[in-house]
C-alpha atoms as a PDB file:
ATOM      1  CA  MET A   1      -8.152  15.653  44.770  1.00  0.00           C
ATOM      2  CA  LYS A   2      -6.021  12.460  45.584  1.00  0.00           C
ATOM      3  CA  ILE A   3      -3.046  12.422  47.748  1.00  0.00           C
ATOM      4  CA  ARG A   4      -0.585   9.951  47.537  1.00  0.00           C
ATOM      5  CA  GLU A   5       2.361   8.859  49.745  1.00  0.00           C
ATOM      6  CA  MET A   6       4.978   6.751  47.724  1.00  0.00           C
ATOM      7  CA  THR A   7       8.931   6.337  47.135  1.00  0.00           C
ATOM      8  CA  LEU A   8      10.704   7.281  43.615  1.00  0.00           C
ATOM      9  CA  PRO A   9      14.316   5.350  43.424  1.00  0.00           C
ATOM     10  CA  SER A  10      16.744   7.921  43.419  1.00  0.00           C
ATOM     11  CA  LYS A  11      19.928   8.417  41.127  1.00  0.00           C
ATOM     12  CA  ARG A  12      22.124   6.567  44.124  1.00  0.00           C
ATOM     13  CA  HIS A  13      19.608   3.670  44.186  1.00  0.00           C
ATOM     14  CA  THR A  14      17.904   4.608  47.252  1.00  0.00           C
ATOM     15  CA  ASP A  15      14.139   5.725  47.736  1.00  0.00           C
ATOM     16  CA  ILE A  16      13.150   9.177  47.989  1.00  0.00           C
ATOM     17  CA  PRO A  17      10.095   9.863  49.998  1.00  0.00           C
ATOM     18  CA  VAL A  18       7.279  11.817  47.833  1.00  0.00           C
ATOM     19  CA  THR A  19       3.818  13.503  48.884  1.00  0.00           C
ATOM     20  CA  VAL A  20       1.887  13.645  45.410  1.00  0.00           C
ATOM     21  CA  VAL A  21      -0.911  15.641  45.269  1.00  0.00           C
ATOM     22  CA  ASP A  22      -3.346  14.653  42.261  1.00  0.00           C
ATOM     23  CA  CYS A  23      -5.965  16.890  40.871  1.00  0.00           C
ATOM     24  CA  GLU A  24      -7.455  14.711  39.067  1.00  0.00           C
ATOM     25  CA  LYS A  25      -8.354  16.328  35.849  1.00  0.00           C
ATOM     26  CA  GLU A  26      -7.309  15.116  32.369  1.00  0.00           C
ATOM     27  CA  THR A  27      -4.475  17.487  31.844  1.00  0.00           C
ATOM     28  CA  CYS A  28      -2.782  19.463  34.676  1.00  0.00           C
ATOM     29  CA  GLY A  29      -0.114  22.051  35.234  1.00  0.00           C
ATOM     30  CA  LEU A  30       2.573  21.039  37.815  1.00  0.00           C
ATOM     31  CA  LEU A  31       3.717  22.773  41.199  1.00  0.00           C
ATOM     32  CA  VAL A  32       7.116  21.099  42.890  1.00  0.00           C
ATOM     33  CA  PHE A  33       7.819  22.227  46.537  1.00  0.00           C
ATOM     34  CA  VAL A  34      11.414  22.142  48.035  1.00  0.00           C
ATOM     35  CA  HIS A  35      11.797  21.690  51.642  1.00  0.00           C
ATOM     36  CA  GLY A  36      14.577  23.253  53.960  1.00  0.00           C
ATOM     37  CA  PHE A  37      17.239  22.266  55.819  1.00  0.00           C
ATOM     38  CA  LYS A  38      16.170  19.219  57.747  1.00  0.00           C
ATOM     39  CA  ALA A  39      12.841  20.109  57.222  1.00  0.00           C
ATOM     40  CA  ASN A  40       9.956  17.404  56.271  1.00  0.00           C
ATOM     41  CA  ARG A  41       8.815  17.513  52.914  1.00  0.00           C
ATOM     42  CA  THR A  42       5.257  19.359  53.440  1.00  0.00           C
ATOM     43  CA  GLU A  43       6.579  21.662  55.996  1.00  0.00           C
ATOM     44  CA  ASP A  44       4.479  21.174  58.437  1.00  0.00           C
ATOM     45  CA  GLY A  45       1.496  20.778  55.934  1.00  0.00           C
ATOM     46  CA  ARG A  46       1.939  24.365  54.571  1.00  0.00           C
ATOM     47  CA  PHE A  47       3.068  23.004  51.176  1.00  0.00           C
ATOM     48  CA  LEU A  48      -0.039  20.620  51.156  1.00  0.00           C
ATOM     49  CA  THR A  49      -2.155  23.864  51.879  1.00  0.00           C
ATOM     50  CA  VAL A  50      -1.098  25.505  48.720  1.00  0.00           C
ATOM     51  CA  ALA A  51      -1.180  22.174  46.900  1.00  0.00           C
ATOM     52  CA  LYS A  52      -4.650  21.583  47.788  1.00  0.00           C
ATOM     53  CA  ALA A  53      -5.635  25.073  46.804  1.00  0.00           C
ATOM     54  CA  MET A  54      -4.050  24.944  43.527  1.00  0.00           C
ATOM     55  CA  ALA A  55      -5.667  21.530  42.560  1.00  0.00           C
ATOM     56  CA  GLU A  56      -8.481  23.234  42.430  1.00  0.00           C
ATOM     57  CA  ALA A  57      -7.166  25.459  39.728  1.00  0.00           C
ATOM     58  CA  GLY A  58      -5.745  22.072  37.560  1.00  0.00           C
ATOM     59  CA  PHE A  59      -2.515  21.680  39.226  1.00  0.00           C
ATOM     60  CA  SER A  60      -0.818  18.341  40.607  1.00  0.00           C
ATOM     61  CA  SER A  61       2.235  18.685  42.946  1.00  0.00           C
ATOM     62  CA  ILE A  62       5.012  16.905  43.965  1.00  0.00           C
ATOM     63  CA  MET A  63       7.153  17.219  47.377  1.00  0.00           C
ATOM     64  CA  GLN A  64       9.941  15.146  48.282  1.00  0.00           C
ATOM     65  CA  GLY A  65      11.836  14.477  51.253  1.00  0.00           C
ATOM     66  CA  PHE A  66      15.675  15.077  50.875  1.00  0.00           C
ATOM     67  CA  PRO A  67      18.488  12.475  52.134  1.00  0.00           C
ATOM     68  CA  GLY A  68      18.591  12.541  55.876  1.00  0.00           C
ATOM     69  CA  CYS A  69      15.129  14.581  56.145  1.00  0.00           C
ATOM     70  CA  ASP A  70      11.840  13.815  56.669  1.00  0.00           C
ATOM     71  CA  VAL A  71      11.479  10.043  56.386  1.00  0.00           C
ATOM     72  CA  SER A  72      14.431   9.281  54.247  1.00  0.00           C
ATOM     73  CA  GLN A  73      16.344   6.508  55.336  1.00  0.00           C
ATOM     74  CA  GLU A  74      19.411   7.754  53.780  1.00  0.00           C
ATOM     75  CA  ASP A  75      22.363   9.105  56.023  1.00  0.00           C
ATOM     76  CA  PHE A  76      22.156  12.538  56.546  1.00  0.00           C
ATOM     77  CA  ILE A  77      25.641  13.169  55.220  1.00  0.00           C
ATOM     78  CA  HIS A  78      24.400  12.577  51.851  1.00  0.00           C
ATOM     79  CA  TYR A  79      22.553  15.844  51.927  1.00  0.00           C
ATOM     80  CA  THR A  80      24.195  17.854  49.402  1.00  0.00           C
ATOM     81  CA  LEU A  81      22.789  20.434  47.021  1.00  0.00           C
ATOM     82  CA  LYS A  82      23.747  18.311  43.960  1.00  0.00           C
ATOM     83  CA  ASN A  83      22.074  15.186  45.312  1.00  0.00           C
ATOM     84  CA  CYS A  84      18.835  17.417  46.379  1.00  0.00           C
ATOM     85  CA  LEU A  85      18.859  18.561  42.610  1.00  0.00           C
ATOM     86  CA  ASP A  86      19.223  15.171  41.528  1.00  0.00           C
ATOM     87  CA  ASP A  87      15.895  14.098  43.646  1.00  0.00           C
ATOM     88  CA  ILE A  88      13.949  17.483  41.935  1.00  0.00           C
ATOM     89  CA  ASP A  89      15.075  16.318  38.614  1.00  0.00           C
ATOM     90  CA  THR A  90      13.732  12.628  39.616  1.00  0.00           C
ATOM     91  CA  SER A  91      10.656  14.204  40.679  1.00  0.00           C
ATOM     92  CA  VAL A  92       9.874  16.168  37.688  1.00  0.00           C
ATOM     93  CA  ALA A  93      10.297  13.401  35.423  1.00  0.00           C
ATOM     94  CA  TRP A  94       8.236  10.996  37.271  1.00  0.00           C
ATOM     95  CA  MET A  95       5.472  13.818  37.125  1.00  0.00           C
ATOM     96  CA  LYS A  96       6.364  14.001  33.662  1.00  0.00           C
ATOM     97  CA  GLU A  97       5.933  10.218  32.942  1.00  0.00           C
ATOM     98  CA  ASN A  98       2.524   9.731  34.759  1.00  0.00           C
ATOM     99  CA  PHE A  99       0.470  12.783  34.278  1.00  0.00           C
ATOM    100  CA  LYS A 100      -0.671  14.668  31.218  1.00  0.00           C
ATOM    101  CA  LEU A 101       0.780  17.858  31.881  1.00  0.00           C
ATOM    102  CA  ASP A 102      -0.329  21.092  29.930  1.00  0.00           C
ATOM    103  CA  GLY A 103       3.144  23.130  30.215  1.00  0.00           C
ATOM    104  CA  ARG A 104       2.278  25.543  33.470  1.00  0.00           C
ATOM    105  CA  MET A 105       5.213  25.088  36.080  1.00  0.00           C
ATOM    106  CA  GLY A 106       5.636  26.504  39.346  1.00  0.00           C
ATOM    107  CA  MET A 107       7.854  26.019  42.215  1.00  0.00           C
ATOM    108  CA  VAL A 108       7.926  27.017  45.845  1.00  0.00           C
ATOM    109  CA  GLY A 109      11.006  26.922  47.809  1.00  0.00           C
ATOM    110  CA  TYR A 110      11.399  27.244  51.560  1.00  0.00           C
ATOM    111  CA  SER A 111      14.715  28.689  53.173  1.00  0.00           C
ATOM    112  CA  MET A 112      17.226  26.146  51.753  1.00  0.00           C
ATOM    113  CA  GLY A 113      14.445  24.755  49.536  1.00  0.00           C
ATOM    114  CA  GLY A 114      14.414  28.748  48.142  1.00  0.00           C
ATOM    115  CA  ARG A 115      18.155  28.312  47.540  1.00  0.00           C
ATOM    116  CA  LEU A 116      17.467  24.953  45.639  1.00  0.00           C
ATOM    117  CA  THR A 117      14.934  26.356  43.536  1.00  0.00           C
ATOM    118  CA  ALA A 118      17.192  29.333  42.688  1.00  0.00           C
ATOM    119  CA  LEU A 119      19.672  26.878  41.332  1.00  0.00           C
ATOM    120  CA  TYR A 120      17.074  24.708  39.384  1.00  0.00           C
ATOM    121  CA  LEU A 121      16.245  27.825  37.671  1.00  0.00           C
ATOM    122  CA  ARG A 122      19.264  28.400  36.080  1.00  0.00           C
ATOM    123  CA  ASN A 123      18.650  25.173  33.716  1.00  0.00           C
ATOM    124  CA  HIS A 124      15.133  25.138  33.525  1.00  0.00           C
ATOM    125  CA  PRO A 125      13.352  28.028  31.790  1.00  0.00           C
ATOM    126  CA  GLU A 126      10.299  26.211  31.790  1.00  0.00           C
ATOM    127  CA  VAL A 127       9.322  27.012  35.159  1.00  0.00           C
ATOM    128  CA  GLN A 128       7.102  29.790  34.861  1.00  0.00           C
ATOM    129  CA  CYS A 129       6.513  30.959  38.312  1.00  0.00           C
ATOM    130  CA  ALA A 130       8.114  30.577  41.678  1.00  0.00           C
ATOM    131  CA  GLY A 131       7.859  31.271  45.404  1.00  0.00           C
ATOM    132  CA  PHE A 132      10.704  31.957  47.957  1.00  0.00           C
ATOM    133  CA  TRP A 133       9.997  31.512  51.716  1.00  0.00           C
ATOM    134  CA  ALA A 134      12.524  32.850  53.598  1.00  0.00           C
ATOM    135  CA  GLY A 135      14.780  31.796  50.942  1.00  0.00           C
ATOM    136  CA  ALA A 136      18.371  31.072  52.125  1.00  0.00           C
ATOM    137  CA  CYS A 137      19.696  32.834  48.618  1.00  0.00           C
ATOM    138  CA  TYR A 138      22.524  34.893  49.877  1.00  0.00           C
ATOM    139  CA  GLU A 139      25.596  34.780  48.021  1.00  0.00           C
ATOM    140  CA  ALA A 140      28.610  35.001  49.864  1.00  0.00           C
ATOM    141  CA  PHE A 141      29.717  31.762  51.800  1.00  0.00           C
ATOM    142  CA  ASP A 142      33.243  32.479  53.299  1.00  0.00           C
ATOM    143  CA  GLY A 143      34.648  32.398  56.718  1.00  0.00           C
ATOM    144  CA  GLU A 144      33.247  36.064  57.430  1.00  0.00           C
ATOM    145  CA  GLU A 145      30.012  34.315  57.271  1.00  0.00           C
ATOM    146  CA  THR A 146      28.058  31.445  59.616  1.00  0.00           C
ATOM    147  CA  PHE A 147      25.843  28.775  58.873  1.00  0.00           C
ATOM    148  CA  LEU A 148      23.033  28.035  60.870  1.00  0.00           C
ATOM    149  CA  GLY A 149      25.059  30.131  63.504  1.00  0.00           C
ATOM    150  CA  GLN A 150      28.596  28.128  62.896  1.00  0.00           C
ATOM    151  CA  ASN A 151      31.657  29.241  61.796  1.00  0.00           C
ATOM    152  CA  ILE A 152      32.091  28.481  58.213  1.00  0.00           C
ATOM    153  CA  GLU A 153      36.000  28.417  57.915  1.00  0.00           C
ATOM    154  CA  GLN A 154      35.864  26.102  60.880  1.00  0.00           C
ATOM    155  CA  MET A 155      33.455  23.737  59.403  1.00  0.00           C
ATOM    156  CA  LYS A 156      35.505  23.355  56.208  1.00  0.00           C
ATOM    157  CA  GLN A 157      38.834  22.962  58.394  1.00  0.00           C
ATOM    158  CA  GLU A 158      37.095  19.971  59.519  1.00  0.00           C
ATOM    159  CA  ALA A 159      35.341  18.415  57.020  1.00  0.00           C
ATOM    160  CA  ALA A 160      38.630  18.808  55.038  1.00  0.00           C
ATOM    161  CA  GLY A 161      40.330  16.194  57.389  1.00  0.00           C
ATOM    162  CA  LYS A 162      37.635  13.505  57.441  1.00  0.00           C
ATOM    163  CA  GLY A 163      34.748  14.162  55.047  1.00  0.00           C
ATOM    164  CA  TYR A 164      32.422  15.879  57.440  1.00  0.00           C
ATOM    165  CA  CYS A 165      31.994  18.446  60.410  1.00  0.00           C
ATOM    166  CA  ASP A 166      29.901  17.723  63.549  1.00  0.00           C
ATOM    167  CA  PHE A 167      27.014  20.029  63.342  1.00  0.00           C
ATOM    168  CA  PHE A 168      24.646  21.027  66.268  1.00  0.00           C
ATOM    169  CA  ASN A 169      21.351  21.264  64.540  1.00  0.00           C
ATOM    170  CA  ALA A 170      19.478  24.043  66.608  1.00  0.00           C
ATOM    171  CA  PHE A 171      15.987  23.263  64.847  1.00  0.00           C
ATOM    172  CA  ASP A 172      16.087  19.815  66.848  1.00  0.00           C
ATOM    173  CA  ASN A 173      18.736  19.497  69.162  1.00  0.00           C
ATOM    174  CA  THR A 174      20.345  16.931  67.359  1.00  0.00           C
ATOM    175  CA  MET A 175      23.976  16.339  66.373  1.00  0.00           C
ATOM    176  CA  LEU A 176      24.657  15.809  62.562  1.00  0.00           C
ATOM    177  CA  LYS A 177      27.332  14.591  60.249  1.00  0.00           C
ATOM    178  CA  LEU A 178      27.265  17.680  57.456  1.00  0.00           C
ATOM    179  CA  SER A 179      28.864  16.688  54.363  1.00  0.00           C
ATOM    180  CA  GLY A 180      32.179  18.337  53.203  1.00  0.00           C
ATOM    181  CA  GLY A 181      30.355  18.197  49.726  1.00  0.00           C
ATOM    182  CA  LEU A 182      27.285  20.257  51.008  1.00  0.00           C
ATOM    183  CA  LEU A 183      30.046  22.972  52.168  1.00  0.00           C
ATOM    184  CA  GLU A 184      31.625  22.633  48.519  1.00  0.00           C
ATOM    185  CA  ASP A 185      28.094  23.001  46.760  1.00  0.00           C
ATOM    186  CA  MET A 186      27.209  26.228  49.064  1.00  0.00           C
ATOM    187  CA  GLU A 187      30.504  27.332  47.942  1.00  0.00           C
ATOM    188  CA  GLU A 188      30.536  26.944  44.370  1.00  0.00           C
ATOM    189  CA  MET A 189      26.702  26.940  43.337  1.00  0.00           C
ATOM    190  CA  ASN A 190      25.496  30.556  43.369  1.00  0.00           C
ATOM    191  CA  PRO A 191      21.887  31.220  43.546  1.00  0.00           C
ATOM    192  CA  VAL A 192      22.172  34.485  42.210  1.00  0.00           C
ATOM    193  CA  GLU A 193      22.839  33.052  39.000  1.00  0.00           C
ATOM    194  CA  GLY A 194      19.189  31.389  38.860  1.00  0.00           C
ATOM    195  CA  LEU A 195      17.710  34.477  40.390  1.00  0.00           C
ATOM    196  CA  GLU A 196      19.015  37.128  37.839  1.00  0.00           C
ATOM    197  CA  LYS A 197      18.062  34.617  34.670  1.00  0.00           C
ATOM    198  CA  PHE A 198      14.759  34.047  35.603  1.00  0.00           C
ATOM    199  CA  THR A 199      12.347  35.335  33.378  1.00  0.00           C
ATOM    200  CA  GLY A 200       8.957  34.475  34.910  1.00  0.00           C
ATOM    201  CA  ALA A 201       6.944  35.850  37.596  1.00  0.00           C
ATOM    202  CA  ALA A 202       8.209  35.674  41.588  1.00  0.00           C
ATOM    203  CA  ILE A 203       6.984  35.798  45.140  1.00  0.00           C
ATOM    204  CA  VAL A 204       9.347  36.491  47.750  1.00  0.00           C
ATOM    205  CA  VAL A 205       8.048  35.936  51.274  1.00  0.00           C
ATOM    206  CA  HIS A 206      10.046  36.976  54.419  1.00  0.00           C
ATOM    207  CA  GLY A 207       9.307  37.257  58.083  1.00  0.00           C
ATOM    208  CA  THR A 208      10.881  40.968  59.582  1.00  0.00           C
ATOM    209  CA  ALA A 209      11.392  38.966  62.653  1.00  0.00           C
ATOM    210  CA  ASP A 210      13.567  36.052  60.837  1.00  0.00           C
ATOM    211  CA  ILE A 211      17.090  35.590  62.718  1.00  0.00           C
ATOM    212  CA  THR A 212      18.032  32.545  60.731  1.00  0.00           C
ATOM    213  CA  VAL A 213      17.464  33.755  56.950  1.00  0.00           C
ATOM    214  CA  LEU A 214      17.425  37.804  57.768  1.00  0.00           C
ATOM    215  CA  PRO A 215      15.497  39.793  55.986  1.00  0.00           C
ATOM    216  CA  ARG A 216      17.894  41.414  54.075  1.00  0.00           C
ATOM    217  CA  VAL A 217      18.354  38.421  52.226  1.00  0.00           C
ATOM    218  CA  GLY A 218      14.831  38.324  51.071  1.00  0.00           C
ATOM    219  CA  GLN A 219      14.965  41.886  49.598  1.00  0.00           C
ATOM    220  CA  ALA A 220      18.242  40.843  48.073  1.00  0.00           C
ATOM    221  CA  THR A 221      16.464  37.849  46.637  1.00  0.00           C
ATOM    222  CA  TYR A 222      13.964  40.025  45.138  1.00  0.00           C
ATOM    223  CA  ASP A 223      16.403  42.667  43.820  1.00  0.00           C
ATOM    224  CA  HIS A 224      18.265  40.138  41.923  1.00  0.00           C
ATOM    225  CA  LEU A 225      14.845  39.025  39.990  1.00  0.00           C
ATOM    226  CA  ILE A 226      16.230  41.691  37.279  1.00  0.00           C
ATOM    227  CA  HIS A 227      14.357  39.956  34.272  1.00  0.00           C
ATOM    228  CA  ALA A 228      11.294  38.755  36.179  1.00  0.00           C
ATOM    229  CA  ARG A 229       8.216  39.556  34.036  1.00  0.00           C
ATOM    230  CA  LYS A 230       6.543  40.422  37.759  1.00  0.00           C
ATOM    231  CA  LYS A 231       7.985  40.237  40.971  1.00  0.00           C
ATOM    232  CA  GLU A 232       6.662  40.696  44.458  1.00  0.00           C
ATOM    233  CA  LEU A 233       7.999  41.144  48.117  1.00  0.00           C
ATOM    234  CA  VAL A 234       5.772  40.117  50.862  1.00  0.00           C
ATOM    235  CA  LEU A 235       7.021  41.068  54.407  1.00  0.00           C
ATOM    236  CA  VAL A 236       5.166  39.055  57.169  1.00  0.00           C
ATOM    237  CA  GLU A 237       5.389  41.445  60.512  1.00  0.00           C
ATOM    238  CA  GLU A 238       6.211  39.507  63.387  1.00  0.00           C
ATOM    239  CA  ALA A 239       7.028  36.515  61.841  1.00  0.00           C
ATOM    240  CA  ASP A 240      10.550  34.428  62.358  1.00  0.00           C
ATOM    241  CA  HIS A 241      11.790  31.809  60.237  1.00  0.00           C
ATOM    242  CA  GLY A 242       9.122  29.487  61.068  1.00  0.00           C
ATOM    243  CA  PHE A 243       6.292  32.165  60.184  1.00  0.00           C
ATOM    244  CA  GLY A 244       4.411  31.385  63.438  1.00  0.00           C
ATOM    245  CA  ALA A 245       4.566  27.549  63.676  1.00  0.00           C
ATOM    246  CA  TRP A 246       7.147  27.407  66.448  1.00  0.00           C
ATOM    247  CA  GLU A 247       5.418  30.105  68.538  1.00  0.00           C
ATOM    248  CA  GLY A 248       1.542  28.381  67.631  1.00  0.00           C
ATOM    249  CA  ARG A 249       0.819  31.571  65.645  1.00  0.00           C
ATOM    250  CA  PRO A 250      -1.168  30.145  62.520  1.00  0.00           C
ATOM    251  CA  GLU A 251      -1.938  33.441  61.684  1.00  0.00           C
ATOM    252  CA  LEU A 252       1.745  34.008  60.286  1.00  0.00           C
ATOM    253  CA  SER A 253       1.517  31.077  58.175  1.00  0.00           C
ATOM    254  CA  ALA A 254      -1.456  31.799  56.982  1.00  0.00           C
ATOM    255  CA  GLN A 255      -0.234  35.065  55.476  1.00  0.00           C
ATOM    256  CA  LEU A 256       2.486  33.167  54.023  1.00  0.00           C
ATOM    257  CA  THR A 257       0.381  30.611  52.000  1.00  0.00           C
ATOM    258  CA  ASP A 258      -2.660  32.951  51.301  1.00  0.00           C
ATOM    259  CA  ASN A 259       0.000  35.240  49.655  1.00  0.00           C
ATOM    260  CA  THR A 260       1.473  32.484  47.532  1.00  0.00           C
ATOM    261  CA  ILE A 261      -1.697  31.069  46.414  1.00  0.00           C
ATOM    262  CA  ARG A 262      -3.024  34.017  45.291  1.00  0.00           C
ATOM    263  CA  PHE A 263       0.091  35.040  43.260  1.00  0.00           C
ATOM    264  CA  LEU A 264       0.146  31.380  41.981  1.00  0.00           C
ATOM    265  CA  GLN A 265      -3.337  31.676  40.680  1.00  0.00           C
ATOM    266  CA  GLU A 266      -2.558  35.175  39.258  1.00  0.00           C
ATOM    267  CA  ASN A 267       0.302  34.394  37.344  1.00  0.00           C
ATOM    268  CA  LEU A 268       0.002  30.598  36.189  1.00  0.00           C
ATOM    269  CA  LYS A 269      -2.851  30.726  33.859  1.00  0.00           C
END
């Protein structure tokens, strides 16, 4: 197994930071990992934990850092769902060009990465297995809802005037310029379409103490997988949105990664 850190040219003519885990086999399956809002591309190493275990089963993996996240040099104002989906396309295309793939393909998305995974599934039936870690796959996005604690209608009004809204990111206590394009994408691109079209196997893992993406969203994600050949809902007791990473409880993250590895190994053969 070999781990490479590199950059790929994006469709926007910028650099996408990526981590590639090469299983170093003649042919391999493909895993794509999709990080969450303002997170790092390995999700504090937990994507790497899964990728390393799956390398033993003959899978090579790629995880990309989205605009303004991780070590990306782009301004965060370019963080939109469309740009993130473009970067996933770029990552998958690079893997296809540089690895001899055997047709097995899976995706794992965390939080907003779960929403992106569901959106990707709309047009990519080649994905046979998907994992949703506290996936932000809620359908409604209107003035009665909030986005990470802030009123959506007020955000949209501010962005309409200047193209972005000033956003306080409680995850790292910083102010961000949140793109009006992101708000438009959230409103126009419905992840439920991808969930309901998906015919592969899916695991939904959610913390029972998650107040960022409520557990009912995980249940709804599971319920919308109406055509999945197999689906599983795992509730991690006492886990919040960070699955123990913020409180120094690695046993909660272990439940997250262990269940995902087991499910992928069982359903990507």
